[in-house]
Amino acid sequence: MFYSSSIEEEMKKFYNSLSEKDKRRYAAIEAQKLGWGGISYIIKLLGCTRNTIVRGIKELKELDEQTINDVRIRKKEEEEKVFFPPKLE
């Protein structure tokens, strides 16, 4: 056992809230973080397959700085908006 049961429950809830792509990557990161035996532990904990974790590891390795920097949460126009607070009189 790597994590306490309360942490395991939180991990399961979080995992189930993710998209398929993010599930693969999350499972891969957790398995790699744990080292030896991590893949088997995460398979049992999250109910995913070895293939899911292996594919997630592959996807993470393929990410490069350019890919990471190209991902945007906000649209460009939203970033340029400036908020001016009202004047206090």
PDB file of N, CA and C in Angstrom:
ATOM      1  N   MET A   1       0.847  -1.184   0.000  1.00  0.00           N
ATOM      2  CA  MET A   1       0.000   0.000   0.000  1.00  0.00           C
ATOM      3  C   MET A   1       0.890   1.243   0.000  1.00  0.00           C
ATOM      4  N   PHE A   2       0.668   2.122  -0.952  1.00  0.00           N
ATOM      5  CA  PHE A   2       1.455   3.340  -1.061  1.00  0.00           C
ATOM      6  C   PHE A   2       0.783   4.525  -0.377  1.00  0.00           C
ATOM      7  N   TYR A   3      -0.536   4.627  -0.507  1.00  0.00           N
ATOM      8  CA  TYR A   3      -1.271   5.767   0.037  1.00  0.00           C
ATOM      9  C   TYR A   3      -2.274   5.304   1.089  1.00  0.00           C
ATOM     10  N   SER A   4      -2.672   6.244   1.957  1.00  0.00           N
ATOM     11  CA  SER A   4      -3.702   5.928   2.954  1.00  0.00           C
ATOM     12  C   SER A   4      -5.049   5.774   2.237  1.00  0.00           C
ATOM     13  N   SER A   5      -5.983   5.143   2.910  1.00  0.00           N
ATOM     14  CA  SER A   5      -7.290   4.900   2.283  1.00  0.00           C
ATOM     15  C   SER A   5      -8.026   6.207   1.979  1.00  0.00           C
ATOM     16  N   SER A   6      -7.848   7.236   2.811  1.00  0.00           N
ATOM     17  CA  SER A   6      -8.531   8.509   2.542  1.00  0.00           C
ATOM     18  C   SER A   6      -7.954   9.184   1.287  1.00  0.00           C
ATOM     19  N   ILE A   7      -6.655   9.101   1.102  1.00  0.00           N
ATOM     20  CA  ILE A   7      -6.029   9.662  -0.099  1.00  0.00           C
ATOM     21  C   ILE A   7      -6.457   8.859  -1.323  1.00  0.00           C
ATOM     22  N   GLU A   8      -6.524   7.547  -1.193  1.00  0.00           N
ATOM     23  CA  GLU A   8      -6.971   6.700  -2.303  1.00  0.00           C
ATOM     24  C   GLU A   8      -8.371   7.092  -2.763  1.00  0.00           C
ATOM     25  N   GLU A   9      -9.266   7.352  -1.820  1.00  0.00           N
ATOM     26  CA  GLU A   9     -10.636   7.741  -2.169  1.00  0.00           C
ATOM     27  C   GLU A   9     -10.654   9.074  -2.917  1.00  0.00           C
ATOM     28  N   GLU A  10      -9.837  10.023  -2.477  1.00  0.00           N
ATOM     29  CA  GLU A  10      -9.756  11.312  -3.167  1.00  0.00           C
ATOM     30  C   GLU A  10      -9.192  11.136  -4.575  1.00  0.00           C
ATOM     31  N   MET A  11      -8.201  10.280  -4.722  1.00  0.00           N
ATOM     32  CA  MET A  11      -7.610  10.014  -6.031  1.00  0.00           C
ATOM     33  C   MET A  11      -8.645   9.411  -6.975  1.00  0.00           C
ATOM     34  N   LYS A  12      -9.451   8.482  -6.468  1.00  0.00           N
ATOM     35  CA  LYS A  12     -10.488   7.858  -7.296  1.00  0.00           C
ATOM     36  C   LYS A  12     -11.525   8.877  -7.747  1.00  0.00           C
ATOM     37  N   LYS A  13     -11.959   9.746  -6.818  1.00  0.00           N
ATOM     38  CA  LYS A  13     -12.946  10.774  -7.174  1.00  0.00           C
ATOM     39  C   LYS A  13     -12.387  11.707  -8.244  1.00  0.00           C
ATOM     40  N   PHE A  14     -11.145  12.124  -8.044  1.00  0.00           N
ATOM     41  CA  PHE A  14     -10.518  13.021  -9.006  1.00  0.00           C
ATOM     42  C   PHE A  14     -10.378  12.342 -10.363  1.00  0.00           C
ATOM     43  N   TYR A  15      -9.893  11.112 -10.369  1.00  0.00           N
ATOM     44  CA  TYR A  15      -9.698  10.348 -11.603  1.00  0.00           C
ATOM     45  C   TYR A  15     -11.003  10.232 -12.382  1.00  0.00           C
ATOM     46  N   ASN A  16     -12.086   9.950 -11.693  1.00  0.00           N
ATOM     47  CA  ASN A  16     -13.382   9.781 -12.351  1.00  0.00           C
ATOM     48  C   ASN A  16     -13.966  11.083 -12.882  1.00  0.00           C
ATOM     49  N   SER A  17     -13.425  12.208 -12.456  1.00  0.00           N
ATOM     50  CA  SER A  17     -13.907  13.502 -12.952  1.00  0.00           C
ATOM     51  C   SER A  17     -13.174  13.954 -14.214  1.00  0.00           C
ATOM     52  N   LEU A  18     -12.135  13.230 -14.611  1.00  0.00           N
ATOM     53  CA  LEU A  18     -11.289  13.644 -15.732  1.00  0.00           C
ATOM     54  C   LEU A  18     -11.776  13.102 -17.070  1.00  0.00           C
ATOM     55  N   SER A  19     -11.326  13.747 -18.138  1.00  0.00           N
ATOM     56  CA  SER A  19     -11.569  13.247 -19.495  1.00  0.00           C
ATOM     57  C   SER A  19     -10.696  12.005 -19.704  1.00  0.00           C
ATOM     58  N   GLU A  20     -10.952  11.253 -20.752  1.00  0.00           N
ATOM     59  CA  GLU A  20     -10.170  10.035 -21.015  1.00  0.00           C
ATOM     60  C   GLU A  20      -8.679  10.338 -21.159  1.00  0.00           C
ATOM     61  N   LYS A  21      -8.359  11.392 -21.904  1.00  0.00           N
ATOM     62  CA  LYS A  21      -6.954  11.770 -22.104  1.00  0.00           C
ATOM     63  C   LYS A  21      -6.302  12.114 -20.769  1.00  0.00           C
ATOM     64  N   ASP A  22      -6.992  12.897 -19.956  1.00  0.00           N
ATOM     65  CA  ASP A  22      -6.438  13.296 -18.674  1.00  0.00           C
ATOM     66  C   ASP A  22      -6.344  12.123 -17.700  1.00  0.00           C
ATOM     67  N   LYS A  23      -7.279  11.168 -17.792  1.00  0.00           N
ATOM     68  CA  LYS A  23      -7.197   9.959 -16.966  1.00  0.00           C
ATOM     69  C   LYS A  23      -5.916   9.190 -17.272  1.00  0.00           C
ATOM     70  N   ARG A  24      -5.616   9.025 -18.563  1.00  0.00           N
ATOM     71  CA  ARG A  24      -4.392   8.314 -18.957  1.00  0.00           C
ATOM     72  C   ARG A  24      -3.161   8.998 -18.390  1.00  0.00           C
ATOM     73  N   ARG A  25      -3.124  10.301 -18.535  1.00  0.00           N
ATOM     74  CA  ARG A  25      -1.945  11.055 -18.088  1.00  0.00           C
ATOM     75  C   ARG A  25      -1.827  11.075 -16.572  1.00  0.00           C
ATOM     76  N   TYR A  26      -2.942  11.202 -15.877  1.00  0.00           N
ATOM     77  CA  TYR A  26      -2.915  11.196 -14.407  1.00  0.00           C
ATOM     78  C   TYR A  26      -2.444   9.836 -13.891  1.00  0.00           C
ATOM     79  N   ALA A  27      -3.003   8.767 -14.437  1.00  0.00           N
ATOM     80  CA  ALA A  27      -2.603   7.423 -14.025  1.00  0.00           C
ATOM     81  C   ALA A  27      -1.117   7.199 -14.304  1.00  0.00           C
ATOM     82  N   ALA A  28      -0.643   7.686 -15.440  1.00  0.00           N
ATOM     83  CA  ALA A  28       0.771   7.535 -15.809  1.00  0.00           C
ATOM     84  C   ALA A  28       1.672   8.273 -14.833  1.00  0.00           C
ATOM     85  N   ILE A  29       1.310   9.502 -14.502  1.00  0.00           N
ATOM     86  CA  ILE A  29       2.125  10.285 -13.570  1.00  0.00           C
ATOM     87  C   ILE A  29       2.172   9.620 -12.204  1.00  0.00           C
ATOM     88  N   GLU A  30       1.004   9.185 -11.720  1.00  0.00           N
ATOM     89  CA  GLU A  30       0.973   8.533 -10.407  1.00  0.00           C
ATOM     90  C   GLU A  30       1.806   7.252 -10.400  1.00  0.00           C
ATOM     91  N   ALA A  31       1.693   6.452 -11.451  1.00  0.00           N
ATOM     92  CA  ALA A  31       2.449   5.201 -11.525  1.00  0.00           C
ATOM     93  C   ALA A  31       3.946   5.478 -11.562  1.00  0.00           C
ATOM     94  N   GLN A  32       4.353   6.455 -12.330  1.00  0.00           N
ATOM     95  CA  GLN A  32       5.773   6.790 -12.416  1.00  0.00           C
ATOM     96  C   GLN A  32       6.288   7.368 -11.102  1.00  0.00           C
ATOM     97  N   LYS A  33       5.467   8.129 -10.453  1.00  0.00           N
ATOM     98  CA  LYS A  33       5.842   8.745  -9.177  1.00  0.00           C
ATOM     99  C   LYS A  33       6.156   7.679  -8.120  1.00  0.00           C
ATOM    100  N   LEU A  34       5.420   6.580  -8.175  1.00  0.00           N
ATOM    101  CA  LEU A  34       5.577   5.535  -7.170  1.00  0.00           C
ATOM    102  C   LEU A  34       6.754   4.605  -7.436  1.00  0.00           C
ATOM    103  N   GLY A  35       7.233   4.585  -8.657  1.00  0.00           N
ATOM    104  CA  GLY A  35       8.376   3.723  -8.961  1.00  0.00           C
ATOM    105  C   GLY A  35       7.979   2.263  -9.078  1.00  0.00           C
ATOM    106  N   TRP A  36       8.864   1.373  -8.609  1.00  0.00           N
ATOM    107  CA  TRP A  36       8.661  -0.062  -8.743  1.00  0.00           C
ATOM    108  C   TRP A  36       7.339  -0.471  -8.101  1.00  0.00           C
ATOM    109  N   GLY A  37       6.496  -1.173  -8.856  1.00  0.00           N
ATOM    110  CA  GLY A  37       5.191  -1.621  -8.369  1.00  0.00           C
ATOM    111  C   GLY A  37       4.092  -0.587  -8.553  1.00  0.00           C
ATOM    112  N   GLY A  38       4.462   0.599  -9.022  1.00  0.00           N
ATOM    113  CA  GLY A  38       3.490   1.684  -9.161  1.00  0.00           C
ATOM    114  C   GLY A  38       2.406   1.405 -10.176  1.00  0.00           C
ATOM    115  N   ILE A  39       2.783   0.813 -11.303  1.00  0.00           N
ATOM    116  CA  ILE A  39       1.784   0.525 -12.347  1.00  0.00           C
ATOM    117  C   ILE A  39       0.742  -0.460 -11.825  1.00  0.00           C
ATOM    118  N   SER A  40       1.183  -1.526 -11.190  1.00  0.00           N
ATOM    119  CA  SER A  40       0.240  -2.523 -10.648  1.00  0.00           C
ATOM    120  C   SER A  40      -0.672  -1.913  -9.594  1.00  0.00           C
ATOM    121  N   TYR A  41      -0.099  -1.084  -8.737  1.00  0.00           N
ATOM    122  CA  TYR A  41      -0.877  -0.437  -7.680  1.00  0.00           C
ATOM    123  C   TYR A  41      -1.941   0.492  -8.269  1.00  0.00           C
ATOM    124  N   ILE A  42      -1.568   1.306  -9.240  1.00  0.00           N
ATOM    125  CA  ILE A  42      -2.508   2.256  -9.843  1.00  0.00           C
ATOM    126  C   ILE A  42      -3.588   1.530 -10.640  1.00  0.00           C
ATOM    127  N   ILE A  43      -3.225   0.423 -11.297  1.00  0.00           N
ATOM    128  CA  ILE A  43      -4.231  -0.379 -12.009  1.00  0.00           C
ATOM    129  C   ILE A  43      -5.311  -0.843 -11.038  1.00  0.00           C
ATOM    130  N   LYS A  44      -4.888  -1.373  -9.903  1.00  0.00           N
ATOM    131  CA  LYS A  44      -5.847  -1.861  -8.899  1.00  0.00           C
ATOM    132  C   LYS A  44      -6.636  -0.710  -8.282  1.00  0.00           C
ATOM    133  N   LEU A  45      -5.945   0.384  -7.983  1.00  0.00           N
ATOM    134  CA  LEU A  45      -6.589   1.509  -7.315  1.00  0.00           C
ATOM    135  C   LEU A  45      -7.623   2.202  -8.206  1.00  0.00           C
ATOM    136  N   LEU A  46      -7.227   2.535  -9.425  1.00  0.00           N
ATOM    137  CA  LEU A  46      -8.095   3.327 -10.299  1.00  0.00           C
ATOM    138  C   LEU A  46      -8.963   2.484 -11.228  1.00  0.00           C
ATOM    139  N   GLY A  47      -8.677   1.191 -11.312  1.00  0.00           N
ATOM    140  CA  GLY A  47      -9.476   0.326 -12.161  1.00  0.00           C
ATOM    141  C   GLY A  47      -9.194   0.513 -13.641  1.00  0.00           C
ATOM    142  N   CYS A  48      -8.014   0.995 -13.957  1.00  0.00           N
ATOM    143  CA  CYS A  48      -7.653   1.176 -15.359  1.00  0.00           C
ATOM    144  C   CYS A  48      -6.803  -0.012 -15.821  1.00  0.00           C
ATOM    145  N   THR A  49      -6.430  -0.016 -17.073  1.00  0.00           N
ATOM    146  CA  THR A  49      -5.620  -1.112 -17.604  1.00  0.00           C
ATOM    147  C   THR A  49      -4.159  -0.705 -17.719  1.00  0.00           C
ATOM    148  N   ARG A  50      -3.316  -1.688 -17.832  1.00  0.00           N
ATOM    149  CA  ARG A  50      -1.887  -1.440 -18.047  1.00  0.00           C
ATOM    150  C   ARG A  50      -1.705  -0.626 -19.333  1.00  0.00           C
ATOM    151  N   ASN A  51      -2.489  -0.972 -20.353  1.00  0.00           N
ATOM    152  CA  ASN A  51      -2.435  -0.244 -21.625  1.00  0.00           C
ATOM    153  C   ASN A  51      -2.711   1.247 -21.440  1.00  0.00           C
ATOM    154  N   THR A  52      -3.672   1.571 -20.578  1.00  0.00           N
ATOM    155  CA  THR A  52      -4.008   2.963 -20.304  1.00  0.00           C
ATOM    156  C   THR A  52      -2.796   3.704 -19.754  1.00  0.00           C
ATOM    157  N   ILE A  53      -2.124   3.088 -18.799  1.00  0.00           N
ATOM    158  CA  ILE A  53      -0.962   3.730 -18.178  1.00  0.00           C
ATOM    159  C   ILE A  53       0.198   3.829 -19.164  1.00  0.00           C
ATOM    160  N   VAL A  54       0.444   2.767 -19.903  1.00  0.00           N
ATOM    161  CA  VAL A  54       1.536   2.775 -20.884  1.00  0.00           C
ATOM    162  C   VAL A  54       1.283   3.847 -21.941  1.00  0.00           C
ATOM    163  N   ARG A  55       0.040   3.947 -22.399  1.00  0.00           N
ATOM    164  CA  ARG A  55      -0.293   4.975 -23.391  1.00  0.00           C
ATOM    165  C   ARG A  55      -0.134   6.373 -22.795  1.00  0.00           C
ATOM    166  N   GLY A  56      -0.530   6.531 -21.538  1.00  0.00           N
ATOM    167  CA  GLY A  56      -0.358   7.818 -20.858  1.00  0.00           C
ATOM    168  C   GLY A  56       1.103   8.206 -20.726  1.00  0.00           C
ATOM    169  N   ILE A  57       1.950   7.241 -20.402  1.00  0.00           N
ATOM    170  CA  ILE A  57       3.390   7.503 -20.298  1.00  0.00           C
ATOM    171  C   ILE A  57       3.933   7.943 -21.652  1.00  0.00           C
ATOM    172  N   LYS A  58       3.500   7.263 -22.696  1.00  0.00           N
ATOM    173  CA  LYS A  58       3.944   7.606 -24.045  1.00  0.00           C
ATOM    174  C   LYS A  58       3.510   9.033 -24.407  1.00  0.00           C
ATOM    175  N   GLU A  59       2.267   9.369 -24.112  1.00  0.00           N
ATOM    176  CA  GLU A  59       1.761  10.711 -24.410  1.00  0.00           C
ATOM    177  C   GLU A  59       2.554  11.778 -23.658  1.00  0.00           C
ATOM    178  N   LEU A  60       2.868  11.505 -22.400  1.00  0.00           N
ATOM    179  CA  LEU A  60       3.623  12.475 -21.611  1.00  0.00           C
ATOM    180  C   LEU A  60       5.024  12.680 -22.169  1.00  0.00           C
ATOM    181  N   LYS A  61       5.637  11.615 -22.642  1.00  0.00           N
ATOM    182  CA  LYS A  61       6.976  11.723 -23.221  1.00  0.00           C
ATOM    183  C   LYS A  61       6.956  12.520 -24.518  1.00  0.00           C
ATOM    184  N   GLU A  62       5.852  12.433 -25.249  1.00  0.00           N
ATOM    185  CA  GLU A  62       5.742  13.137 -26.526  1.00  0.00           C
ATOM    186  C   GLU A  62       5.481  14.633 -26.357  1.00  0.00           C
ATOM    187  N   LEU A  63       5.020  15.014 -25.183  1.00  0.00           N
ATOM    188  CA  LEU A  63       4.793  16.435 -24.940  1.00  0.00           C
ATOM    189  C   LEU A  63       6.147  17.144 -24.904  1.00  0.00           C
ATOM    190  N   ASP A  64       6.211  18.278 -25.511  1.00  0.00           N
ATOM    191  CA  ASP A  64       7.420  19.083 -25.417  1.00  0.00           C
ATOM    192  C   ASP A  64       7.027  20.487 -24.977  1.00  0.00           C
ATOM    193  N   GLU A  65       7.990  21.321 -24.757  1.00  0.00           N
ATOM    194  CA  GLU A  65       7.709  22.675 -24.287  1.00  0.00           C
ATOM    195  C   GLU A  65       6.777  23.437 -25.230  1.00  0.00           C
ATOM    196  N   GLN A  66       6.941  23.246 -26.517  1.00  0.00           N
ATOM    197  CA  GLN A  66       6.099  23.952 -27.479  1.00  0.00           C
ATOM    198  C   GLN A  66       4.640  23.538 -27.310  1.00  0.00           C
ATOM    199  N   THR A  67       4.397  22.250 -27.165  1.00  0.00           N
ATOM    200  CA  THR A  67       3.036  21.753 -26.986  1.00  0.00           C
ATOM    201  C   THR A  67       2.437  22.308 -25.702  1.00  0.00           C
ATOM    202  N   ILE A  68       3.201  22.287 -24.642  1.00  0.00           N
ATOM    203  CA  ILE A  68       2.709  22.780 -23.358  1.00  0.00           C
ATOM    204  C   ILE A  68       2.392  24.266 -23.450  1.00  0.00           C
ATOM    205  N   ASN A  69       3.253  25.031 -24.098  1.00  0.00           N
ATOM    206  CA  ASN A  69       3.049  26.471 -24.207  1.00  0.00           C
ATOM    207  C   ASN A  69       1.900  26.832 -25.141  1.00  0.00           C
ATOM    208  N   ASP A  70       1.550  25.976 -26.078  1.00  0.00           N
ATOM    209  CA  ASP A  70       0.472  26.256 -27.021  1.00  0.00           C
ATOM    210  C   ASP A  70      -0.916  26.041 -26.426  1.00  0.00           C
ATOM    211  N   VAL A  71      -1.011  25.320 -25.328  1.00  0.00           N
ATOM    212  CA  VAL A  71      -2.301  25.048 -24.714  1.00  0.00           C
ATOM    213  C   VAL A  71      -2.769  26.314 -24.008  1.00  0.00           C
ATOM    214  N   ARG A  72      -3.947  26.790 -24.382  1.00  0.00           N
ATOM    215  CA  ARG A  72      -4.491  28.012 -23.794  1.00  0.00           C
ATOM    216  C   ARG A  72      -5.777  27.714 -23.046  1.00  0.00           C
ATOM    217  N   ILE A  73      -5.891  28.303 -21.890  1.00  0.00           N
ATOM    218  CA  ILE A  73      -7.126  28.193 -21.115  1.00  0.00           C
ATOM    219  C   ILE A  73      -8.088  29.307 -21.547  1.00  0.00           C
ATOM    220  N   ARG A  74      -7.556  30.493 -21.719  1.00  0.00           N
ATOM    221  CA  ARG A  74      -8.367  31.637 -22.125  1.00  0.00           C
ATOM    222  C   ARG A  74      -8.095  31.989 -23.575  1.00  0.00           C
ATOM    223  N   LYS A  75      -9.074  32.621 -24.170  1.00  0.00           N
ATOM    224  CA  LYS A  75      -8.878  33.131 -25.526  1.00  0.00           C
ATOM    225  C   LYS A  75      -7.974  34.351 -25.455  1.00  0.00           C
ATOM    226  N   LYS A  76      -7.265  34.609 -26.515  1.00  0.00           N
ATOM    227  CA  LYS A  76      -6.313  35.717 -26.557  1.00  0.00           C
ATOM    228  C   LYS A  76      -6.975  37.046 -26.184  1.00  0.00           C
ATOM    229  N   GLU A  77      -8.181  37.305 -26.679  1.00  0.00           N
ATOM    230  CA  GLU A  77      -8.856  38.569 -26.400  1.00  0.00           C
ATOM    231  C   GLU A  77      -9.100  38.763 -24.901  1.00  0.00           C
ATOM    232  N   GLU A  78      -9.437  37.674 -24.207  1.00  0.00           N
ATOM    233  CA  GLU A  78      -9.716  37.769 -22.775  1.00  0.00           C
ATOM    234  C   GLU A  78      -8.481  38.158 -21.986  1.00  0.00           C
ATOM    235  N   GLU A  79      -7.316  37.734 -22.440  1.00  0.00           N
ATOM    236  CA  GLU A  79      -6.075  38.064 -21.746  1.00  0.00           C
ATOM    237  C   GLU A  79      -5.759  39.548 -21.859  1.00  0.00           C
ATOM    238  N   GLU A  80      -6.209  40.173 -22.942  1.00  0.00           N
ATOM    239  CA  GLU A  80      -5.868  41.557 -23.190  1.00  0.00           C
ATOM    240  C   GLU A  80      -6.804  42.538 -22.477  1.00  0.00           C
ATOM    241  N   LYS A  81      -7.925  42.062 -21.953  1.00  0.00           N
ATOM    242  CA  LYS A  81      -8.848  42.934 -21.246  1.00  0.00           C
ATOM    243  C   LYS A  81      -8.195  43.409 -19.945  1.00  0.00           C
ATOM    244  N   VAL A  82      -8.343  44.661 -19.665  1.00  0.00           N
ATOM    245  CA  VAL A  82      -7.772  45.242 -18.457  1.00  0.00           C
ATOM    246  C   VAL A  82      -8.923  45.741 -17.599  1.00  0.00           C
ATOM    247  N   PHE A  83      -8.859  45.446 -16.340  1.00  0.00           N
ATOM    248  CA  PHE A  83      -9.895  45.857 -15.420  1.00  0.00           C
ATOM    249  C   PHE A  83      -9.453  47.127 -14.699  1.00  0.00           C
ATOM    250  N   PHE A  84     -10.298  48.149 -14.757  1.00  0.00           N
ATOM    251  CA  PHE A  84     -10.031  49.384 -14.034  1.00  0.00           C
ATOM    252  C   PHE A  84     -11.096  49.494 -12.962  1.00  0.00           C
ATOM    253  N   PRO A  85     -10.681  49.501 -11.702  1.00  0.00           N
ATOM    254  CA  PRO A  85     -11.676  49.616 -10.633  1.00  0.00           C
ATOM    255  C   PRO A  85     -12.330  51.003 -10.645  1.00  0.00           C
ATOM    256  N   PRO A  86     -13.582  51.100 -10.171  1.00  0.00           N
ATOM    257  CA  PRO A  86     -14.254  52.403 -10.151  1.00  0.00           C
ATOM    258  C   PRO A  86     -13.522  53.373  -9.202  1.00  0.00           C
ATOM    259  N   LYS A  87     -13.593  54.643  -9.539  1.00  0.00           N
ATOM    260  CA  LYS A  87     -12.959  55.656  -8.689  1.00  0.00           C
ATOM    261  C   LYS A  87     -13.791  55.843  -7.440  1.00  0.00           C
ATOM    262  N   LEU A  88     -13.107  55.938  -6.337  1.00  0.00           N
ATOM    263  CA  LEU A  88     -13.776  56.185  -5.059  1.00  0.00           C
ATOM    264  C   LEU A  88     -13.759  57.692  -4.800  1.00  0.00           C
ATOM    265  N   GLU A  89     -14.893  58.210  -4.476  1.00  0.00           N
ATOM    266  CA  GLU A  89     -14.974  59.657  -4.242  1.00  0.00           C
ATOM    267  C   GLU A  89     -15.217  59.963  -2.811  1.00  0.00           C
TER     268      GLU A  89
END
